[in-house]
Amino acid sequence: MEVEIAVVALGETARWLQAAPLGGTVKLTGFLAAKSRNSKAPVLHVNTLEFLEGNENGSILQEEG
């Protein structure tokens, strides 16, 4: 499935996500929340990030805490 959705990532997870190539395939896990109290648009808050292409061992990057 392909989906476009706003994403929020913090700390090390944000740095890894920023380094991901455009059009690359990643697996993100986290939770959905409304963008704000006044907006019902969903935003994915990323907890873990996994690069799926070009990674033989399937490393999972997870924010501590």
PDB file of N, CA and C in Angstrom:
ATOM      1  N   MET A   1       0.839  -1.143   0.000  1.00  0.00           N
ATOM      2  CA  MET A   1       0.000   0.000   0.000  1.00  0.00           C
ATOM      3  C   MET A   1       0.900   1.226   0.000  1.00  0.00           C
ATOM      4  N   GLU A   2       0.494   2.249  -0.701  1.00  0.00           N
ATOM      5  CA  GLU A   2       1.191   3.532  -0.664  1.00  0.00           C
ATOM      6  C   GLU A   2       0.248   4.572  -0.098  1.00  0.00           C
ATOM      7  N   VAL A   3       0.813   5.402   0.761  1.00  0.00           N
ATOM      8  CA  VAL A   3       0.014   6.432   1.427  1.00  0.00           C
ATOM      9  C   VAL A   3       0.880   7.658   1.633  1.00  0.00           C
ATOM     10  N   GLU A   4       0.312   8.814   1.522  1.00  0.00           N
ATOM     11  CA  GLU A   4       1.015  10.053   1.859  1.00  0.00           C
ATOM     12  C   GLU A   4       0.341  10.649   3.081  1.00  0.00           C
ATOM     13  N   ILE A   5       1.144  10.905   4.104  1.00  0.00           N
ATOM     14  CA  ILE A   5       0.611  11.424   5.355  1.00  0.00           C
ATOM     15  C   ILE A   5       1.695  12.272   6.025  1.00  0.00           C
ATOM     16  N   ALA A   6       1.285  13.276   6.749  1.00  0.00           N
ATOM     17  CA  ALA A   6       2.244  14.093   7.496  1.00  0.00           C
ATOM     18  C   ALA A   6       2.863  13.231   8.602  1.00  0.00           C
ATOM     19  N   VAL A   7       4.163  13.466   8.845  1.00  0.00           N
ATOM     20  CA  VAL A   7       4.903  12.668   9.818  1.00  0.00           C
ATOM     21  C   VAL A   7       5.633  13.587  10.787  1.00  0.00           C
ATOM     22  N   VAL A   8       5.656  13.191  12.063  1.00  0.00           N
ATOM     23  CA  VAL A   8       6.435  13.894  13.082  1.00  0.00           C
ATOM     24  C   VAL A   8       7.412  12.893  13.669  1.00  0.00           C
ATOM     25  N   ALA A   9       8.684  13.281  13.713  1.00  0.00           N
ATOM     26  CA  ALA A   9       9.714  12.444  14.333  1.00  0.00           C
ATOM     27  C   ALA A   9      10.612  13.360  15.155  1.00  0.00           C
ATOM     28  N   LEU A  10      11.107  12.839  16.257  1.00  0.00           N
ATOM     29  CA  LEU A  10      11.953  13.631  17.152  1.00  0.00           C
ATOM     30  C   LEU A  10      13.303  12.952  17.364  1.00  0.00           C
ATOM     31  N   GLY A  11      14.297  13.745  17.710  1.00  0.00           N
ATOM     32  CA  GLY A  11      15.603  13.216  18.098  1.00  0.00           C
ATOM     33  C   GLY A  11      16.284  12.431  17.007  1.00  0.00           C
ATOM     34  N   GLU A  12      16.878  11.311  17.396  1.00  0.00           N
ATOM     35  CA  GLU A  12      17.643  10.459  16.480  1.00  0.00           C
ATOM     36  C   GLU A  12      16.770   9.934  15.344  1.00  0.00           C
ATOM     37  N   THR A  13      15.517   9.617  15.640  1.00  0.00           N
ATOM     38  CA  THR A  13      14.608   9.133  14.603  1.00  0.00           C
ATOM     39  C   THR A  13      14.434  10.190  13.528  1.00  0.00           C
ATOM     40  N   ALA A  14      14.318  11.451  13.908  1.00  0.00           N
ATOM     41  CA  ALA A  14      14.185  12.545  12.942  1.00  0.00           C
ATOM     42  C   ALA A  14      15.430  12.661  12.074  1.00  0.00           C
ATOM     43  N   ARG A  15      16.596  12.496  12.666  1.00  0.00           N
ATOM     44  CA  ARG A  15      17.840  12.576  11.890  1.00  0.00           C
ATOM     45  C   ARG A  15      17.922  11.445  10.861  1.00  0.00           C
ATOM     46  N   TRP A  16      17.546  10.238  11.238  1.00  0.00           N
ATOM     47  CA  TRP A  16      17.570   9.116  10.296  1.00  0.00           C
ATOM     48  C   TRP A  16      16.537   9.320   9.193  1.00  0.00           C
ATOM     49  N   LEU A  17      15.367   9.801   9.557  1.00  0.00           N
ATOM     50  CA  LEU A  17      14.311  10.026   8.569  1.00  0.00           C
ATOM     51  C   LEU A  17      14.729  11.115   7.584  1.00  0.00           C
ATOM     52  N   GLN A  18      15.393  12.145   8.068  1.00  0.00           N
ATOM     53  CA  GLN A  18      15.857  13.226   7.212  1.00  0.00           C
ATOM     54  C   GLN A  18      16.901  12.709   6.215  1.00  0.00           C
ATOM     55  N   ALA A  19      17.692  11.727   6.615  1.00  0.00           N
ATOM     56  CA  ALA A  19      18.739  11.175   5.756  1.00  0.00           C
ATOM     57  C   ALA A  19      18.191  10.190   4.723  1.00  0.00           C
ATOM     58  N   ALA A  20      16.950   9.761   4.872  1.00  0.00           N
ATOM     59  CA  ALA A  20      16.362   8.794   3.939  1.00  0.00           C
ATOM     60  C   ALA A  20      16.217   9.432   2.562  1.00  0.00           C
ATOM     61  N   PRO A  21      16.558   8.699   1.495  1.00  0.00           N
ATOM     62  CA  PRO A  21      16.426   9.256   0.148  1.00  0.00           C
ATOM     63  C   PRO A  21      14.956   9.414  -0.243  1.00  0.00           C
ATOM     64  N   LEU A  22      14.671  10.463  -1.001  1.00  0.00           N
ATOM     65  CA  LEU A  22      13.307  10.656  -1.499  1.00  0.00           C
ATOM     66  C   LEU A  22      12.919   9.471  -2.363  1.00  0.00           C
ATOM     67  N   GLY A  23      11.713   8.981  -2.183  1.00  0.00           N
ATOM     68  CA  GLY A  23      11.240   7.839  -2.946  1.00  0.00           C
ATOM     69  C   GLY A  23      11.693   6.504  -2.395  1.00  0.00           C
ATOM     70  N   GLY A  24      12.505   6.516  -1.339  1.00  0.00           N
ATOM     71  CA  GLY A  24      12.955   5.279  -0.717  1.00  0.00           C
ATOM     72  C   GLY A  24      11.822   4.603   0.038  1.00  0.00           C
ATOM     73  N   THR A  25      11.993   3.330   0.316  1.00  0.00           N
ATOM     74  CA  THR A  25      10.978   2.572   1.034  1.00  0.00           C
ATOM     75  C   THR A  25      11.392   2.403   2.485  1.00  0.00           C
ATOM     76  N   VAL A  26      10.527   2.839   3.380  1.00  0.00           N
ATOM     77  CA  VAL A  26      10.781   2.698   4.815  1.00  0.00           C
ATOM     78  C   VAL A  26       9.539   2.144   5.480  1.00  0.00           C
ATOM     79  N   LYS A  27       9.742   1.496   6.602  1.00  0.00           N
ATOM     80  CA  LYS A  27       8.626   1.018   7.424  1.00  0.00           C
ATOM     81  C   LYS A  27       8.638   1.867   8.688  1.00  0.00           C
ATOM     82  N   LEU A  28       7.538   2.570   8.935  1.00  0.00           N
ATOM     83  CA  LEU A  28       7.417   3.427  10.104  1.00  0.00           C
ATOM     84  C   LEU A  28       6.369   2.856  11.038  1.00  0.00           C
ATOM     85  N   THR A  29       6.647   2.886  12.322  1.00  0.00           N
ATOM     86  CA  THR A  29       5.635   2.526  13.312  1.00  0.00           C
ATOM     87  C   THR A  29       5.518   3.666  14.303  1.00  0.00           C
ATOM     88  N   GLY A  30       4.332   3.851  14.806  1.00  0.00           N
ATOM     89  CA  GLY A  30       4.072   4.926  15.742  1.00  0.00           C
ATOM     90  C   GLY A  30       2.585   4.999  16.024  1.00  0.00           C
ATOM     91  N   PHE A  31       2.097   6.214  16.167  1.00  0.00           N
ATOM     92  CA  PHE A  31       0.671   6.383  16.435  1.00  0.00           C
ATOM     93  C   PHE A  31       0.134   7.566  15.649  1.00  0.00           C
ATOM     94  N   LEU A  32      -1.163   7.509  15.356  1.00  0.00           N
ATOM     95  CA  LEU A  32      -1.841   8.591  14.654  1.00  0.00           C
ATOM     96  C   LEU A  32      -2.512   9.511  15.656  1.00  0.00           C
ATOM     97  N   ALA A  33      -2.428  10.796  15.392  1.00  0.00           N
ATOM     98  CA  ALA A  33      -3.111  11.787  16.220  1.00  0.00           C
ATOM     99  C   ALA A  33      -3.559  12.919  15.303  1.00  0.00           C
ATOM    100  N   ALA A  34      -4.509  13.694  15.759  1.00  0.00           N
ATOM    101  CA  ALA A  34      -4.956  14.855  14.995  1.00  0.00           C
ATOM    102  C   ALA A  34      -3.823  15.874  14.926  1.00  0.00           C
ATOM    103  N   LYS A  35      -3.755  16.601  13.820  1.00  0.00           N
ATOM    104  CA  LYS A  35      -2.707  17.600  13.632  1.00  0.00           C
ATOM    105  C   LYS A  35      -2.768  18.672  14.718  1.00  0.00           C
ATOM    106  N   SER A  36      -3.961  19.057  15.099  1.00  0.00           N
ATOM    107  CA  SER A  36      -4.163  20.031  16.180  1.00  0.00           C
ATOM    108  C   SER A  36      -5.580  19.871  16.707  1.00  0.00           C
ATOM    109  N   ARG A  37      -5.899  20.625  17.723  1.00  0.00           N
ATOM    110  CA  ARG A  37      -7.267  20.561  18.259  1.00  0.00           C
ATOM    111  C   ARG A  37      -8.293  20.977  17.220  1.00  0.00           C
ATOM    112  N   ASN A  38      -7.915  21.902  16.361  1.00  0.00           N
ATOM    113  CA  ASN A  38      -8.861  22.431  15.376  1.00  0.00           C
ATOM    114  C   ASN A  38      -8.818  21.720  14.038  1.00  0.00           C
ATOM    115  N   SER A  39      -7.892  20.797  13.864  1.00  0.00           N
ATOM    116  CA  SER A  39      -7.753  20.086  12.600  1.00  0.00           C
ATOM    117  C   SER A  39      -7.907  18.596  12.829  1.00  0.00           C
ATOM    118  N   LYS A  40      -8.692  17.981  11.987  1.00  0.00           N
ATOM    119  CA  LYS A  40      -8.883  16.533  12.101  1.00  0.00           C
ATOM    120  C   LYS A  40      -7.916  15.760  11.199  1.00  0.00           C
ATOM    121  N   ALA A  41      -7.043  16.470  10.468  1.00  0.00           N
ATOM    122  CA  ALA A  41      -6.072  15.805   9.594  1.00  0.00           C
ATOM    123  C   ALA A  41      -5.136  14.949  10.454  1.00  0.00           C
ATOM    124  N   PRO A  42      -4.908  13.699  10.064  1.00  0.00           N
ATOM    125  CA  PRO A  42      -4.041  12.827  10.858  1.00  0.00           C
ATOM    126  C   PRO A  42      -2.554  13.122  10.640  1.00  0.00           C
ATOM    127  N   VAL A  43      -1.771  12.886  11.678  1.00  0.00           N
ATOM    128  CA  VAL A  43      -0.314  12.986  11.626  1.00  0.00           C
ATOM    129  C   VAL A  43       0.239  11.721  12.275  1.00  0.00           C
ATOM    130  N   LEU A  44       1.220  11.099  11.621  1.00  0.00           N
ATOM    131  CA  LEU A  44       1.866   9.910  12.175  1.00  0.00           C
ATOM    132  C   LEU A  44       3.058  10.347  13.009  1.00  0.00           C
ATOM    133  N   HIS A  45       3.042  10.016  14.294  1.00  0.00           N
ATOM    134  CA  HIS A  45       4.152  10.289  15.211  1.00  0.00           C
ATOM    135  C   HIS A  45       5.025   9.040  15.222  1.00  0.00           C
ATOM    136  N   VAL A  46       6.218   9.134  14.655  1.00  0.00           N
ATOM    137  CA  VAL A  46       7.075   7.971  14.422  1.00  0.00           C
ATOM    138  C   VAL A  46       7.836   7.583  15.684  1.00  0.00           C
ATOM    139  N   ASN A  47       7.754   6.294  16.039  1.00  0.00           N
ATOM    140  CA  ASN A  47       8.541   5.728  17.137  1.00  0.00           C
ATOM    141  C   ASN A  47       9.705   4.894  16.618  1.00  0.00           C
ATOM    142  N   THR A  48       9.469   4.133  15.551  1.00  0.00           N
ATOM    143  CA  THR A  48      10.534   3.320  14.974  1.00  0.00           C
ATOM    144  C   THR A  48      10.567   3.512  13.464  1.00  0.00           C
ATOM    145  N   LEU A  49      11.759   3.289  12.902  1.00  0.00           N
ATOM    146  CA  LEU A  49      12.000   3.494  11.485  1.00  0.00           C
ATOM    147  C   LEU A  49      12.853   2.347  10.986  1.00  0.00           C
ATOM    148  N   GLU A  50      12.445   1.728   9.878  1.00  0.00           N
ATOM    149  CA  GLU A  50      13.209   0.632   9.282  1.00  0.00           C
ATOM    150  C   GLU A  50      13.377   0.906   7.792  1.00  0.00           C
ATOM    151  N   PHE A  51      14.626   0.928   7.325  1.00  0.00           N
ATOM    152  CA  PHE A  51      14.894   1.083   5.900  1.00  0.00           C
ATOM    153  C   PHE A  51      14.725  -0.287   5.247  1.00  0.00           C
ATOM    154  N   LEU A  52      13.903  -0.374   4.201  1.00  0.00           N
ATOM    155  CA  LEU A  52      13.590  -1.662   3.599  1.00  0.00           C
ATOM    156  C   LEU A  52      14.406  -1.964   2.354  1.00  0.00           C
ATOM    157  N   GLU A  53      14.882  -0.960   1.635  1.00  0.00           N
ATOM    158  CA  GLU A  53      15.653  -1.188   0.419  1.00  0.00           C
ATOM    159  C   GLU A  53      17.135  -1.027   0.706  1.00  0.00           C
ATOM    160  N   GLY A  54      17.926  -1.899   0.143  1.00  0.00           N
ATOM    161  CA  GLY A  54      19.368  -1.788   0.266  1.00  0.00           C
ATOM    162  C   GLY A  54      19.901  -2.096   1.645  1.00  0.00           C
ATOM    163  N   ASN A  55      19.134  -2.811   2.436  1.00  0.00           N
ATOM    164  CA  ASN A  55      19.575  -3.158   3.781  1.00  0.00           C
ATOM    165  C   ASN A  55      19.402  -4.654   3.968  1.00  0.00           C
ATOM    166  N   GLU A  56      20.490  -5.378   3.924  1.00  0.00           N
ATOM    167  CA  GLU A  56      20.436  -6.838   3.969  1.00  0.00           C
ATOM    168  C   GLU A  56      19.979  -7.387   5.316  1.00  0.00           C
ATOM    169  N   ASN A  57      20.305  -6.693   6.394  1.00  0.00           N
ATOM    170  CA  ASN A  57      19.951  -7.239   7.697  1.00  0.00           C
ATOM    171  C   ASN A  57      18.707  -6.609   8.303  1.00  0.00           C
ATOM    172  N   GLY A  58      18.057  -5.693   7.610  1.00  0.00           N
ATOM    173  CA  GLY A  58      16.800  -5.115   8.074  1.00  0.00           C
ATOM    174  C   GLY A  58      16.917  -4.391   9.401  1.00  0.00           C
ATOM    175  N   SER A  59      17.918  -3.534   9.544  1.00  0.00           N
ATOM    176  CA  SER A  59      18.123  -2.814  10.810  1.00  0.00           C
ATOM    177  C   SER A  59      16.895  -1.981  11.168  1.00  0.00           C
ATOM    178  N   ILE A  60      16.548  -2.013  12.423  1.00  0.00           N
ATOM    179  CA  ILE A  60      15.449  -1.216  12.936  1.00  0.00           C
ATOM    180  C   ILE A  60      16.030  -0.133  13.833  1.00  0.00           C
ATOM    181  N   LEU A  61      15.638   1.086  13.589  1.00  0.00           N
ATOM    182  CA  LEU A  61      16.100   2.216  14.380  1.00  0.00           C
ATOM    183  C   LEU A  61      14.965   2.651  15.278  1.00  0.00           C
ATOM    184  N   GLN A  62      15.239   2.742  16.553  1.00  0.00           N
ATOM    185  CA  GLN A  62      14.192   3.035  17.519  1.00  0.00           C
ATOM    186  C   GLN A  62      14.657   4.134  18.459  1.00  0.00           C
ATOM    187  N   GLU A  63      13.749   5.068  18.700  1.00  0.00           N
ATOM    188  CA  GLU A  63      14.056   6.139  19.638  1.00  0.00           C
ATOM    189  C   GLU A  63      13.938   5.594  21.042  1.00  0.00           C
ATOM    190  N   GLU A  64      14.911   5.889  21.869  1.00  0.00           N
ATOM    191  CA  GLU A  64      14.901   5.434  23.256  1.00  0.00           C
ATOM    192  C   GLU A  64      13.950   6.287  24.082  1.00  0.00           C
ATOM    193  N   GLY A  65      13.282   5.634  25.033  1.00  0.00           N
ATOM    194  CA  GLY A  65      12.455   6.421  25.938  1.00  0.00           C
ATOM    195  C   GLY A  65      11.064   6.087  25.959  1.00  0.00           C
TER     196      GLY A  65
END
